[in-house]
């Protein structure tokens, strides 16, 4: 069985990409969100001609990269699907759960307090709602009592979905390349 190998260049590129992703996720701004959005549009657009003009395993990788990337992009970030399907994706739940641990606390507090206007007295949260409660430092001069719905900042979600789009595209490209390699190996061993 052939082992998966990565070049030093691939590992370095991955580290740089992850570093830029976490920098954007920690302090989401319109600049970071637009940068990631433009990056994935460029990558997925480049993948289409790469899939056409490459051969063999490289072609299979780019076909998988383009297919998986564009499908996730449309479902998560396209305006016509974002409000209907995007919030139902499992990756949105992952981003919501990770937001308190990644995004700066001050940014989250401003976002939560700015959007908090309950129509009635809050009830005690259910066990399923505990992950939604924000952490407040004890030195905070004010307190919000009750349940606060976690609505991750929009810029954070855009950046996070862009990072997931690249990741899913890379995994999809690798999976399709593996399938193509397996098929080629099977056809070459048959008489």
Foldseek 3Di string as FASTA:
>chain_A
DDDDDDDPVRVVVVVVVVVLLLVCLAEPDPVSLVVLVVVLVVLLVVLVVQLVPDDALSNLLSVQLNVLLVVLCCCQPNPVNNVPRNCVDVLVVVLLLCSLVRYDPVVQVVVQVVPDDDPDDADADDPVQPSQDHDDDPPDPDDDPHGGGRDDDPSSSSSSSSSVSNVRSNVRSVVSSVVRVVVVVVVVPDD
